[in-house]
Amino acid sequence: MAVKQTLRMNFLNAAGKSVTISLDNPKDDLTSAAVQTAMDTVIAKNIFITSGGDLVSKVKATIVDTTDTVLFGD
């Protein structure tokens, strides 16, 4: 059984559509303040292109825990 964590950062783009950026294996000591600062930087630097235009606002950030159970094979 393997446990995996993913940081999911949700934004709105200029068209009002939801955009999610996911990062695997976030640091164990990650804080809300650090994530919010990173999200602000992503918006300010305009480093991602979306079909609905620039990212314009933060919506939320979550850490999702997933457990994979291999039934057969590698």
N, C-alpha and C. Protein backbone atom coordinates (compact mmCIF):
# COMPACT_ATOMS: atom_id res chain seq x y z
N MET A 1 0.84 -1.17 0.00
CA MET A 1 0.00 0.00 0.00
C MET A 1 0.89 1.24 0.00
N ALA A 2 0.65 2.13 -0.93
CA ALA A 2 1.44 3.35 -1.02
C ALA A 2 0.56 4.57 -0.74
N VAL A 3 1.06 5.48 0.10
CA VAL A 3 0.34 6.70 0.41
C VAL A 3 1.01 7.85 -0.30
N LYS A 4 0.21 8.68 -0.94
CA LYS A 4 0.75 9.82 -1.71
C LYS A 4 0.00 11.08 -1.30
N GLN A 5 0.72 12.19 -1.21
CA GLN A 5 0.09 13.48 -0.95
C GLN A 5 0.26 14.37 -2.17
N THR A 6 -0.76 15.18 -2.44
CA THR A 6 -0.73 16.13 -3.53
C THR A 6 -1.27 17.47 -3.04
N LEU A 7 -0.52 18.52 -3.30
CA LEU A 7 -0.99 19.88 -3.03
C LEU A 7 -1.75 20.35 -4.25
N ARG A 8 -3.00 20.74 -4.07
CA ARG A 8 -3.82 21.25 -5.17
C ARG A 8 -4.14 22.71 -4.89
N MET A 9 -3.70 23.57 -5.81
CA MET A 9 -3.94 25.01 -5.70
C MET A 9 -4.95 25.41 -6.77
N ASN A 10 -6.07 25.96 -6.32
CA ASN A 10 -7.14 26.33 -7.23
C ASN A 10 -7.17 27.84 -7.43
N PHE A 11 -7.25 28.24 -8.70
CA PHE A 11 -7.30 29.65 -9.09
C PHE A 11 -8.51 29.89 -9.99
N LEU A 12 -8.84 31.15 -10.20
CA LEU A 12 -9.77 31.55 -11.25
C LEU A 12 -8.97 32.28 -12.31
N ASN A 13 -9.32 32.04 -13.58
CA ASN A 13 -8.66 32.78 -14.66
C ASN A 13 -9.55 33.95 -15.09
N ALA A 14 -9.09 34.72 -16.07
CA ALA A 14 -9.81 35.92 -16.51
C ALA A 14 -11.21 35.61 -17.04
N ALA A 15 -11.42 34.39 -17.52
CA ALA A 15 -12.74 33.99 -18.03
C ALA A 15 -13.66 33.48 -16.91
N GLY A 16 -13.15 33.48 -15.67
CA GLY A 16 -13.94 33.01 -14.55
C GLY A 16 -13.97 31.50 -14.40
N LYS A 17 -13.09 30.82 -15.10
CA LYS A 17 -13.01 29.35 -15.05
C LYS A 17 -12.00 28.93 -13.98
N SER A 18 -12.26 27.77 -13.39
CA SER A 18 -11.38 27.21 -12.38
C SER A 18 -10.16 26.56 -13.02
N VAL A 19 -9.00 26.80 -12.43
CA VAL A 19 -7.74 26.21 -12.90
C VAL A 19 -7.05 25.61 -11.67
N THR A 20 -6.61 24.36 -11.79
CA THR A 20 -5.93 23.69 -10.68
C THR A 20 -4.50 23.38 -11.06
N ILE A 21 -3.59 23.73 -10.17
CA ILE A 21 -2.18 23.36 -10.31
C ILE A 21 -1.88 22.38 -9.18
N SER A 22 -1.38 21.20 -9.53
CA SER A 22 -1.11 20.16 -8.55
C SER A 22 0.37 19.88 -8.45
N LEU A 23 0.84 19.69 -7.23
CA LEU A 23 2.23 19.34 -6.97
C LEU A 23 2.27 18.13 -6.06
N ASP A 24 3.00 17.10 -6.47
CA ASP A 24 3.13 15.88 -5.67
C ASP A 24 4.12 16.07 -4.54
N ASN A 25 3.89 15.36 -3.46
CA ASN A 25 4.80 15.28 -2.31
C ASN A 25 5.19 16.64 -1.73
N PRO A 26 4.22 17.44 -1.27
CA PRO A 26 4.58 18.72 -0.64
C PRO A 26 5.34 18.48 0.66
N LYS A 27 6.09 19.46 1.09
CA LYS A 27 6.84 19.36 2.34
C LYS A 27 5.89 19.11 3.50
N ASP A 28 6.35 18.35 4.48
CA ASP A 28 5.54 18.05 5.66
C ASP A 28 5.24 19.30 6.49
N ASP A 29 6.15 20.27 6.48
CA ASP A 29 5.98 21.47 7.30
C ASP A 29 5.39 22.65 6.52
N LEU A 30 4.72 22.37 5.40
CA LEU A 30 4.13 23.41 4.56
C LEU A 30 3.04 24.14 5.35
N THR A 31 3.05 25.47 5.27
CA THR A 31 2.07 26.28 5.98
C THR A 31 1.11 26.96 5.01
N SER A 32 -0.02 27.35 5.54
CA SER A 32 -1.01 28.08 4.75
C SER A 32 -0.39 29.38 4.20
N ALA A 33 0.37 30.07 5.04
CA ALA A 33 0.99 31.33 4.62
C ALA A 33 1.95 31.12 3.45
N ALA A 34 2.73 30.05 3.51
CA ALA A 34 3.68 29.77 2.43
C ALA A 34 2.96 29.46 1.12
N VAL A 35 1.87 28.70 1.21
CA VAL A 35 1.11 28.37 0.00
C VAL A 35 0.46 29.63 -0.58
N GLN A 36 -0.11 30.46 0.28
CA GLN A 36 -0.74 31.69 -0.19
C GLN A 36 0.28 32.61 -0.86
N THR A 37 1.47 32.70 -0.30
CA THR A 37 2.53 33.51 -0.90
C THR A 37 2.92 32.96 -2.27
N ALA A 38 3.05 31.63 -2.35
CA ALA A 38 3.40 31.01 -3.63
C ALA A 38 2.31 31.27 -4.67
N MET A 39 1.05 31.16 -4.26
CA MET A 39 -0.05 31.40 -5.19
C MET A 39 -0.07 32.86 -5.64
N ASP A 40 0.19 33.79 -4.72
CA ASP A 40 0.26 35.21 -5.09
C ASP A 40 1.38 35.44 -6.11
N THR A 41 2.50 34.75 -5.93
CA THR A 41 3.63 34.88 -6.86
C THR A 41 3.26 34.34 -8.24
N VAL A 42 2.58 33.20 -8.27
CA VAL A 42 2.14 32.63 -9.56
C VAL A 42 1.26 33.64 -10.30
N ILE A 43 0.34 34.28 -9.59
CA ILE A 43 -0.54 35.27 -10.21
C ILE A 43 0.25 36.50 -10.66
N ALA A 44 1.09 37.01 -9.79
CA ALA A 44 1.85 38.24 -10.08
C ALA A 44 2.82 38.06 -11.25
N LYS A 45 3.48 36.91 -11.32
CA LYS A 45 4.47 36.66 -12.37
C LYS A 45 3.84 36.20 -13.67
N ASN A 46 2.55 35.83 -13.63
CA ASN A 46 1.81 35.42 -14.82
C ASN A 46 2.58 34.33 -15.59
N ILE A 47 2.96 33.28 -14.88
CA ILE A 47 3.84 32.27 -15.47
C ILE A 47 3.11 31.10 -16.13
N PHE A 48 1.79 31.02 -15.96
CA PHE A 48 1.02 29.95 -16.59
C PHE A 48 0.03 30.53 -17.60
N ILE A 49 -0.11 29.85 -18.72
CA ILE A 49 -1.05 30.26 -19.76
C ILE A 49 -2.25 29.32 -19.68
N THR A 50 -3.45 29.89 -19.65
CA THR A 50 -4.65 29.07 -19.68
C THR A 50 -5.51 29.49 -20.87
N SER A 51 -6.40 28.61 -21.28
CA SER A 51 -7.27 28.93 -22.42
C SER A 51 -8.23 30.06 -22.08
N GLY A 52 -8.45 30.31 -20.80
CA GLY A 52 -9.35 31.39 -20.38
C GLY A 52 -8.62 32.65 -19.95
N GLY A 53 -7.35 32.76 -20.31
CA GLY A 53 -6.59 33.97 -19.97
C GLY A 53 -5.77 33.82 -18.70
N ASP A 54 -5.28 34.94 -18.22
CA ASP A 54 -4.40 34.97 -17.05
C ASP A 54 -5.10 34.47 -15.79
N LEU A 55 -4.32 33.93 -14.87
CA LEU A 55 -4.85 33.62 -13.54
C LEU A 55 -5.05 34.93 -12.81
N VAL A 56 -6.21 35.12 -12.21
CA VAL A 56 -6.51 36.42 -11.60
C VAL A 56 -6.77 36.37 -10.11
N SER A 57 -7.13 35.20 -9.57
CA SER A 57 -7.37 35.14 -8.12
C SER A 57 -7.20 33.73 -7.58
N LYS A 58 -6.92 33.68 -6.27
CA LYS A 58 -6.80 32.41 -5.55
C LYS A 58 -8.21 31.99 -5.11
N VAL A 59 -8.46 30.69 -5.13
CA VAL A 59 -9.73 30.18 -4.63
C VAL A 59 -9.49 29.38 -3.35
N LYS A 60 -8.65 28.34 -3.45
CA LYS A 60 -8.33 27.54 -2.27
C LYS A 60 -7.12 26.67 -2.55
N ALA A 61 -6.59 26.11 -1.49
CA ALA A 61 -5.49 25.14 -1.60
C ALA A 61 -5.79 24.01 -0.63
N THR A 62 -5.57 22.78 -1.10
CA THR A 62 -5.80 21.61 -0.26
C THR A 62 -4.67 20.61 -0.44
N ILE A 63 -4.45 19.82 0.59
CA ILE A 63 -3.54 18.68 0.47
C ILE A 63 -4.42 17.44 0.46
N VAL A 64 -4.28 16.66 -0.59
CA VAL A 64 -5.09 15.45 -0.78
C VAL A 64 -4.21 14.24 -0.52
N ASP A 65 -4.68 13.37 0.38
CA ASP A 65 -3.99 12.11 0.67
C ASP A 65 -4.66 11.00 -0.13
N THR A 66 -3.84 10.22 -0.85
CA THR A 66 -4.33 9.11 -1.65
C THR A 66 -3.60 7.84 -1.25
N THR A 67 -4.34 6.76 -1.12
CA THR A 67 -3.74 5.46 -0.84
C THR A 67 -3.99 4.55 -2.01
N ASP A 68 -2.91 4.02 -2.58
CA ASP A 68 -3.01 3.07 -3.69
C ASP A 68 -2.77 1.66 -3.13
N THR A 69 -3.67 0.76 -3.47
CA THR A 69 -3.51 -0.63 -3.08
C THR A 69 -3.35 -1.46 -4.35
N VAL A 70 -2.19 -2.08 -4.50
CA VAL A 70 -1.91 -2.89 -5.68
C VAL A 70 -2.59 -4.24 -5.51
N LEU A 71 -3.43 -4.61 -6.46
CA LEU A 71 -4.12 -5.90 -6.40
C LEU A 71 -3.31 -7.00 -7.06
N PHE A 72 -2.57 -6.64 -8.12
CA PHE A 72 -1.64 -7.58 -8.75
C PHE A 72 -0.67 -6.79 -9.59
N GLY A 73 0.45 -7.39 -9.94
CA GLY A 73 1.47 -6.75 -10.75
C GLY A 73 2.36 -5.83 -9.93
N ASP A 74 3.15 -5.07 -10.64
CA ASP A 74 4.11 -4.18 -9.98
C ASP A 74 3.44 -3.02 -9.40
